[in-house]
Protein backbone atom coordinates (compact mmCIF):
# COMPACT_ATOMS: atom_id res chain seq x y z
CA UNK A 1 -7.37 41.61 7.90
CA UNK A 2 -8.73 40.02 4.71
CA UNK A 3 -12.14 38.37 4.64
CA UNK A 4 -12.97 35.34 2.49
CA UNK A 5 -16.59 34.49 1.71
CA UNK A 6 -17.83 31.09 0.55
CA UNK A 7 -21.17 32.08 -0.88
CA UNK A 8 -24.27 29.91 -1.14
CA UNK A 9 -22.68 26.52 -0.43
CA UNK A 10 -24.87 23.69 -1.67
CA UNK A 11 -24.08 21.73 1.49
CA UNK A 12 -22.24 22.75 4.65
CA UNK A 13 -21.48 20.64 7.72
CA UNK A 14 -22.00 23.03 10.63
CA UNK A 15 -21.51 22.56 14.36
CA UNK A 16 -24.63 22.38 16.55
CA UNK A 17 -23.36 23.33 19.99
CA UNK A 18 -26.58 22.52 21.83
CA UNK A 19 -26.77 19.02 20.36
CA UNK A 20 -23.00 18.43 20.47
CA UNK A 21 -23.00 17.17 16.89
CA UNK A 22 -22.35 18.04 13.28
CA UNK A 23 -25.36 18.95 11.14
CA UNK A 24 -26.11 19.70 7.50
CA UNK A 25 -26.97 23.20 6.31
CA UNK A 26 -28.10 24.00 2.77
CA UNK A 27 -27.52 27.12 0.67
CA UNK A 28 -25.64 29.09 3.33
CA UNK A 29 -22.70 31.49 3.39
CA UNK A 30 -19.54 31.11 5.44
CA UNK A 31 -17.10 33.97 5.95
CA UNK A 32 -13.79 34.05 7.75
CA UNK A 33 -11.55 36.95 8.59
CA UNK A 34 -7.88 36.21 9.16
CA UNK A 35 -8.00 32.83 10.95
CA UNK A 36 -11.50 32.88 12.47
CA UNK A 37 -14.98 32.17 11.15
CA UNK A 38 -17.03 35.34 11.51
CA UNK A 39 -20.30 34.36 9.81
CA UNK A 40 -22.25 31.21 9.03
CA UNK A 41 -25.79 31.57 7.80
CA UNK A 42 -27.93 33.08 5.06
CA UNK A 43 -27.26 36.38 3.31
CA UNK A 44 -23.82 37.63 4.39
CA UNK A 45 -23.93 41.42 3.98
CA UNK A 46 -20.37 42.29 4.90
CA UNK A 47 -17.45 43.13 2.63
CA UNK A 48 -15.32 40.28 1.32
CA UNK A 49 -11.86 40.49 -0.23
CA UNK A 50 -12.33 37.10 -1.89
CA UNK A 51 -15.57 35.37 -2.87
CA UNK A 52 -15.72 31.62 -3.59
CA UNK A 53 -18.81 30.32 -5.34
CA UNK A 54 -20.19 27.60 -3.07
CA UNK A 55 -22.48 26.05 -5.65
CA UNK A 56 -21.43 22.49 -6.36
CA UNK A 57 -19.49 22.30 -3.09
CA UNK A 58 -19.80 20.72 0.33
CA UNK A 59 -17.97 22.75 2.97
CA UNK A 60 -16.85 20.70 5.96
CA UNK A 61 -14.57 21.11 8.97
CA UNK A 62 -10.95 20.13 8.54
CA UNK A 63 -10.18 16.60 9.72
CA UNK A 64 -8.13 15.95 12.85
CA UNK A 65 -5.65 13.06 12.85
CA UNK A 66 -4.61 12.28 16.43
CA UNK A 67 -2.16 9.44 15.77
CA UNK A 68 0.40 9.26 12.97
CA UNK A 69 4.05 8.41 12.33
CA UNK A 70 4.96 10.37 9.17
CA UNK A 71 8.71 10.25 9.75
CA UNK A 72 9.00 6.55 8.86
CA UNK A 73 5.74 4.91 7.76
CA UNK A 74 5.96 5.91 4.06
CA UNK A 75 9.33 4.13 4.01
CA UNK A 76 7.45 0.85 4.59
CA UNK A 77 5.46 0.98 1.35
CA UNK A 78 5.78 -2.39 -0.31
CA UNK A 79 7.13 -3.80 2.97
CA UNK A 80 4.45 -3.47 5.62
CA UNK A 81 1.20 -4.34 3.86
CA UNK A 82 1.44 -8.15 4.24
CA UNK A 83 4.22 -8.47 6.79
CA UNK A 84 3.43 -10.26 10.04
CA UNK A 85 4.80 -13.00 12.28
CA UNK A 86 2.45 -15.82 13.24
CA UNK A 87 4.22 -16.57 16.53
CA UNK A 88 3.76 -12.93 17.57
CA UNK A 89 0.00 -13.19 17.14
CA UNK A 90 0.35 -12.05 13.51
CA UNK A 91 1.84 -8.62 14.23
CA UNK A 92 4.93 -7.54 12.30
CA UNK A 93 5.61 -4.59 14.58
CA UNK A 94 8.57 -6.03 16.45
CA UNK A 95 10.35 -7.79 13.59
CA UNK A 96 9.97 -4.83 11.27
CA UNK A 97 11.15 -2.36 13.87
CA UNK A 98 14.40 -4.18 14.55
CA UNK A 99 15.29 -5.11 10.97
CA UNK A 100 14.36 -1.86 9.24
CA UNK A 101 15.94 0.56 11.65
CA UNK A 102 15.18 4.22 12.11
CA UNK A 103 16.02 6.25 8.99
CA UNK A 104 18.59 9.03 8.92
CA UNK A 105 17.42 12.64 9.16
CA UNK A 106 17.32 13.00 5.37
CA UNK A 107 15.06 9.96 5.13
CA UNK A 108 12.84 11.19 7.95
CA UNK A 109 12.40 14.58 6.32
CA UNK A 110 11.53 13.02 2.96
CA UNK A 111 9.09 10.60 4.58
CA UNK A 112 7.42 13.33 6.63
CA UNK A 113 7.06 15.72 3.69
CA UNK A 114 5.54 12.97 1.56
CA UNK A 115 3.08 12.04 4.31
CA UNK A 116 2.14 15.67 5.05
CA UNK A 117 1.14 16.04 1.39
CA UNK A 118 -1.01 12.92 1.55
CA UNK A 119 -2.69 14.21 4.68
CA UNK A 120 -3.41 17.66 3.28
CA UNK A 121 -4.86 16.16 0.09
CA UNK A 122 -7.38 14.16 2.11
CA UNK A 123 -8.48 17.18 4.14
CA UNK A 124 -6.48 16.75 7.34
CA UNK A 125 -5.87 20.18 8.84
CA UNK A 126 -4.67 19.16 12.34
CA UNK A 127 -2.11 16.43 12.91
CA UNK A 128 -0.53 14.72 15.91
CA UNK A 129 2.88 13.64 14.60
CA UNK A 130 4.46 11.04 16.88
CA UNK A 131 8.04 10.99 15.63
CA UNK A 132 11.61 10.83 16.78
CA UNK A 133 12.86 14.43 16.62
CA UNK A 134 15.07 15.25 13.64
CA UNK A 135 16.82 18.39 12.44
CA UNK A 136 14.41 20.64 10.58
CA UNK A 137 11.25 18.91 11.86
CA UNK A 138 9.66 22.05 13.32
CA UNK A 139 10.38 24.15 10.24
CA UNK A 140 9.10 21.47 7.87
CA UNK A 141 5.91 20.96 9.86
CA UNK A 142 5.34 24.72 9.98
CA UNK A 143 5.99 24.99 6.23
CA UNK A 144 3.30 22.40 5.52
CA UNK A 145 0.65 24.83 6.72
CA UNK A 146 -1.06 22.25 8.92
CA UNK A 147 -2.09 22.82 12.51
CA UNK A 148 0.77 20.88 14.03
CA UNK A 149 0.86 18.93 17.29
CA UNK A 150 4.43 17.69 17.67
CA UNK A 151 4.70 14.57 19.80
CA UNK A 152 8.42 13.76 20.14
CA UNK A 153 8.68 10.13 21.20
CA UNK A 154 10.97 8.71 23.92
CA UNK A 155 11.14 5.55 26.01
CA UNK A 156 13.05 3.83 28.80
CA UNK A 157 13.57 0.65 26.77
CA UNK A 158 13.93 -0.54 23.21
CA UNK A 159 12.58 -3.75 21.78
CA UNK A 160 14.94 -6.37 20.39
CA UNK A 161 14.43 -9.95 19.22
CA UNK A 162 16.12 -13.14 20.32
CA UNK A 163 13.57 -15.36 18.58
CA UNK A 164 10.20 -15.05 16.83
CA UNK A 165 8.08 -15.42 19.98
CA UNK A 166 7.98 -11.77 20.99
CA UNK A 167 10.14 -8.82 21.97
CA UNK A 168 12.80 -8.58 24.65
CA UNK A 169 13.60 -5.26 26.33
CA UNK A 170 16.85 -3.28 26.44
CA UNK A 171 16.32 -0.99 29.44
CA UNK A 172 18.20 2.31 29.71
CA UNK A 173 16.44 4.78 31.98
CA UNK A 174 19.01 7.60 31.50
CA UNK A 175 18.31 7.43 27.76
CA UNK A 176 14.58 7.65 28.48
CA UNK A 177 15.08 10.65 30.77
CA UNK A 178 17.24 12.39 28.20
CA UNK A 179 14.56 11.79 25.58
CA UNK A 180 11.89 13.23 27.88
CA UNK A 181 13.94 16.37 28.46
CA UNK A 182 14.60 16.76 24.75
CA UNK A 183 10.92 16.28 23.95
CA UNK A 184 9.90 19.06 26.31
CA UNK A 185 12.44 21.36 24.68
CA UNK A 186 11.15 20.55 21.18
CA UNK A 187 7.57 21.22 22.26
CA UNK A 188 8.52 24.52 23.90
CA UNK A 189 10.31 25.58 20.72
CA UNK A 190 7.32 24.59 18.59
CA UNK A 191 4.87 26.51 20.77
CA UNK A 192 7.02 29.63 20.42
CA UNK A 193 6.93 29.41 16.62
CA UNK A 194 5.69 32.67 15.04
CA UNK A 195 3.04 30.89 12.95
CA UNK A 196 0.93 30.29 16.07
CA UNK A 197 -0.20 26.95 14.59
CA UNK A 198 2.25 24.71 16.42
CA UNK A 199 1.62 22.96 19.69
CA UNK A 200 2.69 19.72 21.35
CA UNK A 201 1.62 16.45 22.89
CA UNK A 202 3.64 14.67 25.60
CA UNK A 203 4.41 11.24 24.17
CA UNK A 204 6.20 8.45 26.04
CA UNK A 205 6.19 5.82 23.34
CA UNK A 206 4.70 2.59 24.72
CA UNK A 207 3.18 1.48 28.00
CA UNK A 208 5.57 -1.52 28.03
CA UNK A 209 8.78 0.41 27.20
CA UNK A 210 8.52 3.13 29.84
CA UNK A 211 9.11 2.93 33.57
CA UNK A 212 6.39 3.80 36.03
CA UNK A 213 8.26 6.96 37.01
CA UNK A 214 8.70 8.16 33.43
CA UNK A 215 5.02 7.60 32.66
CA UNK A 216 3.86 9.46 35.77
CA UNK A 217 6.24 12.36 35.19
CA UNK A 218 5.16 12.61 31.56
CA UNK A 219 1.49 12.75 32.52
CA UNK A 220 2.26 15.40 35.16
CA UNK A 221 4.18 17.48 32.61
CA UNK A 222 1.21 17.37 30.24
CA UNK A 223 -1.18 18.50 32.97
CA UNK A 224 1.12 21.31 34.06
CA UNK A 225 1.35 22.62 30.48
CA UNK A 226 -2.31 22.09 29.60
CA UNK A 227 -1.32 19.69 26.82
CA UNK A 228 -2.61 16.30 25.78
CA UNK A 229 -0.72 13.15 26.73
CA UNK A 230 -0.49 10.07 24.53
CA UNK A 231 1.00 6.59 24.82
CA UNK A 232 0.65 3.38 22.80
CA UNK A 233 -1.38 1.03 24.97
CA UNK A 234 -3.00 -2.36 24.32
CA UNK A 235 -1.68 -2.39 20.78
CA UNK A 236 -0.64 -6.05 20.64
CA UNK A 237 -1.37 -9.37 22.29
CA UNK A 238 2.35 -9.64 23.18
CA UNK A 239 2.13 -6.35 25.06
CA UNK A 240 -0.96 -7.45 27.00
CA UNK A 241 0.74 -10.70 27.99
CA UNK A 242 3.92 -8.87 29.01
CA UNK A 243 2.08 -6.40 31.25
CA UNK A 244 0.09 -9.19 32.89
CA UNK A 245 3.36 -11.04 33.48
CA UNK A 246 4.92 -7.97 35.11
CA UNK A 247 2.00 -6.59 37.09
CA UNK A 248 -0.91 -9.04 37.00
CA UNK A 249 -2.85 -6.28 35.23
CA UNK A 250 -3.80 -5.52 31.67
CA UNK A 251 -2.16 -2.45 30.08
CA UNK A 252 -5.38 -0.44 30.57
CA UNK A 253 -5.55 -1.44 34.24
CA UNK A 254 -1.88 -0.58 34.71
CA UNK A 255 -2.45 2.84 33.11
CA UNK A 256 -5.36 3.39 35.49
CA UNK A 257 -3.22 2.32 38.47
CA UNK A 258 -0.61 4.95 37.49
CA UNK A 259 -3.20 7.73 37.09
CA UNK A 260 -2.65 8.01 33.34
CA UNK A 261 -6.30 7.88 32.33
CA UNK A 262 -8.66 10.86 32.12
CA UNK A 263 -9.46 13.89 29.96
CA UNK A 264 -6.48 14.86 27.86
CA UNK A 265 -5.08 11.33 27.78
CA UNK A 266 -5.03 9.63 24.38
CA UNK A 267 -4.30 5.91 24.21
CA UNK A 268 -2.86 4.85 20.89
CA UNK A 269 -5.04 1.98 19.62
CA UNK A 270 -6.35 0.44 22.90
CA UNK A 271 -7.56 -2.43 20.75
CA UNK A 272 -6.81 -5.48 22.87
CA UNK A 273 -9.04 -5.03 25.89
CA UNK A 274 -9.50 -7.76 28.49
CA UNK A 275 -12.68 -8.84 26.68
CA UNK A 276 -11.11 -8.99 23.21
CA UNK A 277 -11.35 -12.39 21.51
CA UNK A 278 -7.56 -12.52 21.07
CA UNK A 279 -7.05 -11.91 24.81
CA UNK A 280 -10.06 -13.14 26.83
CA UNK A 281 -8.55 -12.27 30.22
CA UNK A 282 -10.61 -13.08 33.29
CA UNK A 283 -11.38 -9.43 34.11
CA UNK A 284 -14.05 -7.42 32.30
CA UNK A 285 -13.17 -3.89 33.35
CA UNK A 286 -10.99 -2.29 30.65
CA UNK A 287 -13.75 -0.63 28.63
CA UNK A 288 -15.49 0.74 31.70
CA UNK A 289 -12.21 2.21 32.97
CA UNK A 290 -11.75 4.04 29.69
CA UNK A 291 -15.30 5.33 29.50
CA UNK A 292 -15.74 6.34 33.13
CA UNK A 293 -12.46 8.27 33.10
CA UNK A 294 -13.18 10.18 29.87
CA UNK A 295 -10.02 8.85 28.24
CA UNK A 296 -9.60 9.20 24.48
CA UNK A 297 -8.66 6.41 22.09
CA UNK A 298 -6.93 7.00 18.76
CA UNK A 299 -8.47 4.42 16.43
CA UNK A 300 -6.35 3.42 13.42
CA UNK A 301 -7.94 0.36 11.79
CA UNK A 302 -5.59 -0.22 8.84
CA UNK A 303 -2.44 -1.62 10.53
CA UNK A 304 -4.49 -4.07 12.57
CA UNK A 305 -6.77 -5.14 9.76
CA UNK A 306 -3.65 -6.12 7.81
CA UNK A 307 -2.76 -8.54 10.61
CA UNK A 308 -6.30 -9.88 10.87
CA UNK A 309 -7.18 -7.86 14.01
CA UNK A 310 -10.25 -5.71 14.56
CA UNK A 311 -11.55 -3.43 17.30
CA UNK A 312 -14.43 -5.18 19.10
CA UNK A 313 -16.30 -2.84 18.60
CA UNK A 314 -16.16 0.91 17.91
CA UNK A 315 -19.83 1.33 18.83
CA UNK A 316 -19.26 -0.31 22.21
CA UNK A 317 -16.47 2.17 22.97
CA UNK A 318 -18.77 5.08 22.09
CA UNK A 319 -21.63 3.81 24.22
CA UNK A 320 -19.23 3.29 27.14
CA UNK A 321 -18.34 7.00 27.02
CA UNK A 322 -14.86 6.70 25.52
CA UNK A 323 -13.75 9.80 23.57
CA UNK A 324 -13.08 8.33 20.13
CA UNK A 325 -10.71 9.97 17.66
CA UNK A 326 -9.21 8.79 14.39
CA UNK A 327 -5.61 8.35 13.28
CA UNK A 328 -3.71 7.11 10.26
CA UNK A 329 -0.74 5.45 12.01
CA UNK A 330 0.65 3.94 8.80
CA UNK A 331 0.86 4.60 5.10
CA UNK A 332 -1.25 5.52 3.21
CA UNK A 333 -1.95 8.53 5.39
CA UNK A 334 -5.58 8.91 4.32
CA UNK A 335 -7.96 9.64 7.17
CA UNK A 336 -11.07 9.32 5.00
CA UNK A 337 -10.11 5.75 4.11
CA UNK A 338 -9.59 5.08 7.82
CA UNK A 339 -13.13 6.33 8.51
CA UNK A 340 -14.52 4.06 5.80
CA UNK A 341 -12.58 1.02 6.97
CA UNK A 342 -13.45 1.61 10.62
CA UNK A 343 -17.14 1.84 9.74
CA UNK A 344 -17.17 -1.46 7.86
CA UNK A 345 -15.07 -3.31 10.45
CA UNK A 346 -17.22 -2.03 13.32
CA UNK A 347 -20.29 -3.59 11.74
CA UNK A 348 -18.47 -6.85 11.09
CA UNK A 349 -17.22 -6.99 14.68
CA UNK A 350 -20.64 -6.25 16.16
CA UNK A 351 -22.63 -8.15 13.51
CA UNK A 352 -24.97 -5.16 13.53
CA UNK A 353 -25.42 -2.61 10.76
CA UNK A 354 -26.91 -0.19 13.29
CA UNK A 355 -23.95 -0.37 15.68
CA UNK A 356 -22.41 2.76 14.15
CA UNK A 357 -23.10 5.26 11.40
CA UNK A 358 -21.06 7.63 9.29
CA UNK A 359 -21.90 10.54 11.60
CA UNK A 360 -20.05 8.73 14.41
CA UNK A 361 -16.86 8.64 12.36
CA UNK A 362 -17.16 12.23 11.19
CA UNK A 363 -17.51 13.24 14.84
CA UNK A 364 -14.45 11.16 15.78
CA UNK A 365 -12.40 12.70 12.96
CA UNK A 366 -13.40 16.26 13.87
CA UNK A 367 -14.91 17.19 17.25
CA UNK A 368 -13.81 13.95 18.92
CA UNK A 369 -10.21 14.55 17.93
CA UNK A 370 -10.46 18.14 19.13
CA UNK A 371 -11.82 17.02 22.49
CA UNK A 372 -8.98 14.51 22.84
CA UNK A 373 -6.53 17.38 22.27
CA UNK A 374 -8.32 19.64 24.79
CA UNK A 375 -9.39 22.03 22.04
CA UNK A 376 -12.86 23.43 21.36
CA UNK A 377 -11.88 25.81 18.55
CA UNK A 378 -11.11 23.24 15.83
CA UNK A 379 -13.05 20.43 14.19
CA UNK A 380 -16.16 22.63 14.04
CA UNK A 381 -17.59 25.19 11.63
CA UNK A 382 -19.24 27.93 13.68
CA UNK A 383 -18.63 31.64 14.31
CA UNK A 384 -15.58 32.15 16.50
CA UNK A 385 -13.95 28.83 15.59
CA UNK A 386 -10.71 28.48 13.65
CA UNK A 387 -10.97 28.72 9.88
CA UNK A 388 -9.86 25.15 9.19
CA UNK A 389 -12.09 23.87 6.43
CA UNK A 390 -12.31 21.61 3.39
CA UNK A 391 -14.15 22.22 0.12
CA UNK A 392 -15.47 18.99 -1.38
CA UNK A 393 -16.27 18.94 -5.10
CA UNK A 394 -19.76 17.54 -5.62
CA UNK A 395 -19.08 17.27 -9.35
CA UNK A 396 -16.49 14.57 -8.69
CA UNK A 397 -17.93 11.47 -10.40
CA UNK A 398 -17.60 9.40 -7.24
CA UNK A 399 -19.76 11.97 -5.39
CA UNK A 400 -22.62 11.59 -7.86
CA UNK A 401 -25.50 11.60 -7.21
CA UNK A 402 -24.95 13.87 -4.20
CA UNK A 403 -28.06 12.84 -2.31
CA UNK A 404 -26.15 12.48 0.96
CA UNK A 405 -22.71 14.01 0.36
CA UNK A 406 -21.10 12.84 3.61
CA UNK A 407 -21.84 9.22 2.72
CA UNK A 408 -20.65 9.86 -0.81
CA UNK A 409 -17.45 11.36 0.53
CA UNK A 410 -16.58 8.62 3.05
CA UNK A 411 -17.84 5.53 1.23
CA UNK A 412 -17.12 6.41 -2.39
CA UNK A 413 -15.04 9.45 -3.29
CA UNK A 414 -12.62 9.97 -0.39
CA UNK A 415 -9.67 12.24 -1.23
CA UNK A 416 -10.57 12.32 -4.94
CA UNK A 417 -13.27 14.86 -4.08
CA UNK A 418 -11.13 17.17 -1.92
CA UNK A 419 -10.67 20.32 -3.98
CA UNK A 420 -9.44 23.02 -1.61
CA UNK A 421 -8.18 23.08 1.98
CA UNK A 422 -7.75 26.04 4.32
CA UNK A 423 -5.88 25.99 7.63
CA UNK A 424 -6.00 28.97 9.97
CA UNK A 425 -7.60 30.91 7.14
CA UNK A 426 -4.74 30.23 4.71
CA UNK A 427 -5.26 28.12 1.61
CA UNK A 428 -2.87 25.14 1.58
CA UNK A 429 -4.52 23.01 -1.13
CA UNK A 430 -5.92 24.53 -4.32
CA UNK A 431 -7.62 22.52 -7.04
CA UNK A 432 -6.19 19.25 -5.60
CA UNK A 433 -2.62 20.57 -5.45
CA UNK A 434 -0.58 21.13 -2.28
CA UNK A 435 0.69 24.70 -2.29
CA UNK A 436 3.21 24.45 0.53
CA UNK A 437 5.28 21.31 -0.17
CA UNK A 438 6.66 19.32 -3.11
CA UNK A 439 5.41 15.72 -2.96
CA UNK A 440 7.13 14.65 -6.19
CA UNK A 441 10.53 15.74 -4.92
CA UNK A 442 9.83 14.14 -1.53
CA UNK A 443 8.94 10.89 -3.30
CA UNK A 444 12.34 10.76 -5.03
CA UNK A 445 14.15 11.33 -1.74
CA UNK A 446 11.87 8.80 -0.04
CA UNK A 447 12.75 6.13 -2.60
CA UNK A 448 16.46 6.67 -2.02
CA UNK A 449 15.96 6.51 1.75
CA UNK A 450 14.06 3.23 1.47
CA UNK A 451 16.91 1.75 -0.58
CA UNK A 452 19.38 2.75 2.15
CA UNK A 453 17.12 1.25 4.81
CA UNK A 454 16.79 -2.07 2.98
CA UNK A 455 20.51 -2.28 2.29
CA UNK A 456 21.21 -1.92 6.02
CA UNK A 457 18.68 -4.56 7.11
CA UNK A 458 21.25 -7.42 7.56
CA UNK A 459 23.21 -5.24 10.01
CA UNK A 460 20.16 -4.86 12.27
CA UNK A 461 18.12 -8.02 11.87
CA UNK A 462 18.67 -10.61 14.61
CA UNK A 463 19.05 -13.35 11.98
CA UNK A 464 21.14 -11.13 9.65
CA UNK A 465 18.60 -11.58 6.85
CA UNK A 466 18.36 -9.45 3.74
CA UNK A 467 15.26 -7.32 3.27
CA UNK A 468 13.89 -9.60 0.56
CA UNK A 469 14.18 -12.58 2.92
CA UNK A 470 12.15 -10.84 5.59
CA UNK A 471 9.57 -9.45 3.17
CA UNK A 472 9.68 -11.14 -0.26
CA UNK A 473 8.15 -9.41 -3.24
CA UNK A 474 4.51 -10.25 -3.87
CA UNK A 475 5.36 -11.89 -7.23
CA UNK A 476 8.47 -13.68 -8.47
CA UNK A 477 10.69 -11.73 -10.84
CA UNK A 478 10.90 -13.54 -14.16
CA UNK A 479 13.74 -13.64 -16.63
């Protein structure tokens, strides 16, 4: 088995097990054999098949993205960024979903490949991909070289619109059950993949589109298989109001009532708690339920910030004991930018610069994400852990001066400083170029798929509008 040595790294972010935190190391060596780190410290004396000069580099653990939708979000470029409906509390989720329907398999493959490239180039080495299954998904994900957590989505109901006040629900429990069965089969197939890098997450889609029985059975299936469970929950004011109408409980309280909370459960977004300023429900228990149960939250600030929504506040979730992880959710799929945005918005929400710090977001994007996925072998650089790592170029102008390279990376350079990426000991990005996929070709196919999606919008939209009526261009087109 070949050994790779990164020798004398200027900076290295190492895992401190006793303190349960990441820590800087200076001028150290890191060696990995096959897919495991075998040495981290000073003066490696073993034999290496490949030596990488660590001077001018920061070595850090690969980032973990626990909530993404690569199969369709890149298709919304130029559509989603400023799209929202005032009567739906500013969200565009429901209108966009019904008018711009699910792409065909060719479009999904192009979208996913494009997004996987974006993710690799920003240092994401582990990804939870919440997608509708499509032909070739497993092979494409494996080809990317990422550590893949396939989360095939399914639901008992679909949203549809009758007006602009919020979604209605088309219930079809047999369809939901069939989707659940198919999802388990996809996950089993992924886990049997010879790469050994593929796993799964049980993913009923939304707390409001799944029956009580389907949610309970999904959580049980995850526990039986030792896998994480995820569901979108408290992601919109409409959803909160709908769940209170049905059950007299907030979505978080309903999830607790069904036994969905706890270690290994990841709630997508969990933004609109009972105390949130957009909700202000009479109870004050949602955050405590999350923290006391050890539930994880996948925080994705970008889609909500575009609507004018903000988590109130990331630091409060941490101090309550919630396991915080990071996700990209929408395009651009850039987890570093999500860390930066989350940091700024957390301070705005709390009106306190000391509410959070960059170390909190690094933890969320590495060890926090690993904990959410029930893994202790990723998101950390230490002997015995998986060789998932990122080499950051300190010579990148946006990293200069490199007094505190983590701050430089998150607040200034972002993906521009990512030079090389290794997953499971295999190099997947070299000198800022993805080695496993073709982003330029995917972009051409993505453009064609978006054109097909827009052309079909009048067939799906409840008002039979054209795409440009739903989302006009940002500027008029002159003669």
